[in-house]
N, C-alpha and C. Protein backbone atom coordinates (compact mmCIF):
# COMPACT_ATOMS: atom_id res chain seq x y z
N UNK A 1 -71.06 39.52 66.33
CA UNK A 1 -71.08 39.96 64.96
C UNK A 1 -69.75 39.67 64.28
N UNK A 2 -68.66 39.94 64.96
CA UNK A 2 -67.35 39.67 64.37
C UNK A 2 -67.21 38.19 64.09
N UNK A 3 -67.69 37.37 64.99
CA UNK A 3 -67.55 35.92 64.84
C UNK A 3 -68.26 35.42 63.59
N UNK A 4 -69.43 35.94 63.30
CA UNK A 4 -70.22 35.46 62.17
C UNK A 4 -69.86 36.13 60.85
N UNK A 5 -69.59 37.43 60.87
CA UNK A 5 -69.45 38.15 59.61
C UNK A 5 -68.01 38.41 59.18
N UNK A 6 -67.09 38.46 60.09
CA UNK A 6 -65.76 38.87 59.71
C UNK A 6 -64.72 37.79 59.94
N UNK A 7 -64.04 37.84 61.03
CA UNK A 7 -62.91 36.95 61.24
C UNK A 7 -63.19 36.06 62.44
N UNK A 8 -63.32 34.75 62.21
CA UNK A 8 -63.74 33.81 63.25
C UNK A 8 -62.79 33.78 64.44
N UNK A 9 -61.50 33.85 64.18
CA UNK A 9 -60.52 33.77 65.28
C UNK A 9 -60.70 34.92 66.26
N UNK A 10 -60.81 36.14 65.74
CA UNK A 10 -61.00 37.29 66.61
C UNK A 10 -62.34 37.22 67.33
N UNK A 11 -63.36 36.75 66.65
CA UNK A 11 -64.68 36.61 67.26
C UNK A 11 -64.66 35.61 68.41
N UNK A 12 -63.96 34.50 68.21
CA UNK A 12 -63.87 33.49 69.26
C UNK A 12 -63.12 34.01 70.48
N UNK A 13 -62.04 34.74 70.23
CA UNK A 13 -61.26 35.31 71.34
C UNK A 13 -62.10 36.34 72.09
N UNK A 14 -62.82 37.18 71.36
CA UNK A 14 -63.67 38.18 72.00
C UNK A 14 -64.78 37.52 72.82
N UNK A 15 -65.35 36.43 72.30
CA UNK A 15 -66.38 35.72 73.05
C UNK A 15 -65.81 35.14 74.34
N UNK A 16 -64.58 34.66 74.29
CA UNK A 16 -63.93 34.13 75.49
C UNK A 16 -63.81 35.23 76.55
N UNK A 17 -63.30 36.40 76.15
CA UNK A 17 -63.15 37.50 77.11
C UNK A 17 -64.50 37.97 77.62
N UNK A 18 -65.49 38.05 76.75
CA UNK A 18 -66.80 38.53 77.19
C UNK A 18 -67.46 37.54 78.15
N UNK A 19 -67.17 36.25 78.00
CA UNK A 19 -67.73 35.28 78.93
C UNK A 19 -67.10 35.39 80.31
N UNK A 20 -65.92 35.95 80.39
CA UNK A 20 -65.25 36.13 81.68
C UNK A 20 -65.82 37.31 82.47
N UNK A 21 -66.44 38.24 81.79
CA UNK A 21 -66.92 39.46 82.46
C UNK A 21 -67.93 39.12 83.55
N UNK A 22 -68.97 38.38 83.23
CA UNK A 22 -70.01 38.05 84.20
C UNK A 22 -69.45 37.22 85.36
N UNK A 23 -68.61 36.27 85.02
CA UNK A 23 -68.03 35.41 86.06
C UNK A 23 -67.21 36.23 87.04
N UNK A 24 -66.38 37.10 86.51
CA UNK A 24 -65.55 37.93 87.39
C UNK A 24 -66.39 38.93 88.17
N UNK A 25 -67.40 39.50 87.53
CA UNK A 25 -68.27 40.48 88.21
C UNK A 25 -68.99 39.83 89.39
N UNK A 26 -69.53 38.64 89.17
CA UNK A 26 -70.26 37.94 90.24
C UNK A 26 -69.36 37.52 91.39
N UNK A 27 -68.09 37.27 91.09
CA UNK A 27 -67.17 36.88 92.15
C UNK A 27 -66.59 38.09 92.88
N UNK A 28 -66.95 39.29 92.44
CA UNK A 28 -66.50 40.50 93.11
C UNK A 28 -65.24 41.11 92.54
N UNK A 29 -64.72 40.55 91.47
CA UNK A 29 -63.51 41.06 90.83
C UNK A 29 -63.90 42.12 89.80
N UNK A 30 -64.19 43.32 90.29
CA UNK A 30 -64.66 44.40 89.42
C UNK A 30 -63.56 44.82 88.45
N UNK A 31 -62.35 44.95 88.92
CA UNK A 31 -61.24 45.35 88.05
C UNK A 31 -61.01 44.31 86.96
N UNK A 32 -61.09 43.04 87.31
CA UNK A 32 -60.92 41.97 86.33
C UNK A 32 -62.04 41.97 85.30
N UNK A 33 -63.26 42.25 85.75
CA UNK A 33 -64.40 42.31 84.83
C UNK A 33 -64.24 43.47 83.85
N UNK A 34 -63.79 44.61 84.35
CA UNK A 34 -63.56 45.76 83.47
C UNK A 34 -62.46 45.47 82.46
N UNK A 35 -61.40 44.82 82.91
CA UNK A 35 -60.29 44.48 82.01
C UNK A 35 -60.73 43.48 80.95
N UNK A 36 -61.51 42.48 81.33
CA UNK A 36 -62.00 41.50 80.36
C UNK A 36 -62.93 42.16 79.35
N UNK A 37 -63.75 43.09 79.82
CA UNK A 37 -64.65 43.82 78.93
C UNK A 37 -63.86 44.67 77.94
N UNK A 38 -62.84 45.34 78.43
CA UNK A 38 -62.00 46.17 77.57
C UNK A 38 -61.26 45.30 76.55
N UNK A 39 -60.76 44.15 76.98
CA UNK A 39 -60.08 43.24 76.06
C UNK A 39 -61.02 42.73 74.98
N UNK A 40 -62.25 42.40 75.36
CA UNK A 40 -63.23 41.93 74.38
C UNK A 40 -63.53 43.02 73.36
N UNK A 41 -63.66 44.26 73.80
CA UNK A 41 -63.92 45.37 72.89
C UNK A 41 -62.77 45.56 71.92
N UNK A 42 -61.54 45.54 72.42
CA UNK A 42 -60.37 45.74 71.56
C UNK A 42 -60.27 44.63 70.52
N UNK A 43 -60.44 43.40 70.95
CA UNK A 43 -60.36 42.27 70.01
C UNK A 43 -61.48 42.36 68.98
N UNK A 44 -62.68 42.77 69.39
CA UNK A 44 -63.78 42.96 68.45
C UNK A 44 -63.44 44.01 67.41
N UNK A 45 -62.91 45.13 67.83
CA UNK A 45 -62.56 46.21 66.89
C UNK A 45 -61.46 45.77 65.93
N UNK A 46 -60.49 45.05 66.43
CA UNK A 46 -59.43 44.53 65.56
C UNK A 46 -60.03 43.55 64.55
N UNK A 47 -60.91 42.69 65.01
CA UNK A 47 -61.56 41.73 64.12
C UNK A 47 -62.39 42.41 63.04
N UNK A 48 -63.10 43.47 63.40
CA UNK A 48 -63.88 44.21 62.41
C UNK A 48 -62.94 44.84 61.39
N UNK A 49 -61.86 45.43 61.85
CA UNK A 49 -60.89 46.05 60.94
C UNK A 49 -60.27 45.05 59.98
N UNK A 50 -59.82 43.93 60.51
CA UNK A 50 -59.21 42.89 59.67
C UNK A 50 -60.25 42.32 58.71
N UNK A 51 -61.46 42.10 59.19
CA UNK A 51 -62.51 41.55 58.34
C UNK A 51 -62.90 42.49 57.22
N UNK A 52 -63.05 43.77 57.54
CA UNK A 52 -63.38 44.74 56.49
C UNK A 52 -62.26 44.85 55.46
N UNK A 53 -61.03 44.86 55.91
CA UNK A 53 -59.89 44.89 54.99
C UNK A 53 -59.91 43.67 54.08
N UNK A 54 -60.16 42.51 54.66
CA UNK A 54 -60.23 41.28 53.88
C UNK A 54 -61.31 41.36 52.80
N UNK A 55 -62.52 41.80 53.18
CA UNK A 55 -63.62 41.87 52.21
C UNK A 55 -63.36 42.92 51.14
N UNK A 56 -62.75 44.03 51.52
CA UNK A 56 -62.41 45.05 50.51
C UNK A 56 -61.40 44.48 49.51
N UNK A 57 -60.39 43.76 50.01
CA UNK A 57 -59.42 43.14 49.10
C UNK A 57 -60.07 42.09 48.20
N UNK A 58 -61.02 41.33 48.73
CA UNK A 58 -61.72 40.34 47.92
C UNK A 58 -62.52 41.02 46.82
N UNK A 59 -63.21 42.10 47.15
CA UNK A 59 -64.03 42.81 46.17
C UNK A 59 -63.13 43.46 45.10
N UNK A 60 -62.04 44.07 45.52
CA UNK A 60 -61.12 44.71 44.56
C UNK A 60 -60.48 43.67 43.65
N UNK A 61 -60.08 42.54 44.23
CA UNK A 61 -59.45 41.49 43.42
C UNK A 61 -60.43 40.86 42.44
N UNK A 62 -61.70 40.86 42.78
CA UNK A 62 -62.71 40.26 41.90
C UNK A 62 -63.15 41.18 40.78
N UNK A 63 -62.80 42.45 40.86
CA UNK A 63 -63.24 43.41 39.85
C UNK A 63 -62.42 43.36 38.59
C-alpha cells in the first residue's frame, strides 16, 4: 500500500525487507526473519507518515 499510494522509496525498501522474511524463515534464521519483519513494519509506518504529510501539504497548498 505504501508503495502505490504514498512514498515509492519507502514502499520499495519495505518490500525488500518483507521479501527477506520468508527466505530467512525457511533457512531457519528465526531471529533474522523477525528482524526483517520488524524493519518492514517500521519502514511502512514511516512511509505512511511521510506520504500523509505530503498529501496534506499538497491539499493545503492547493486551497
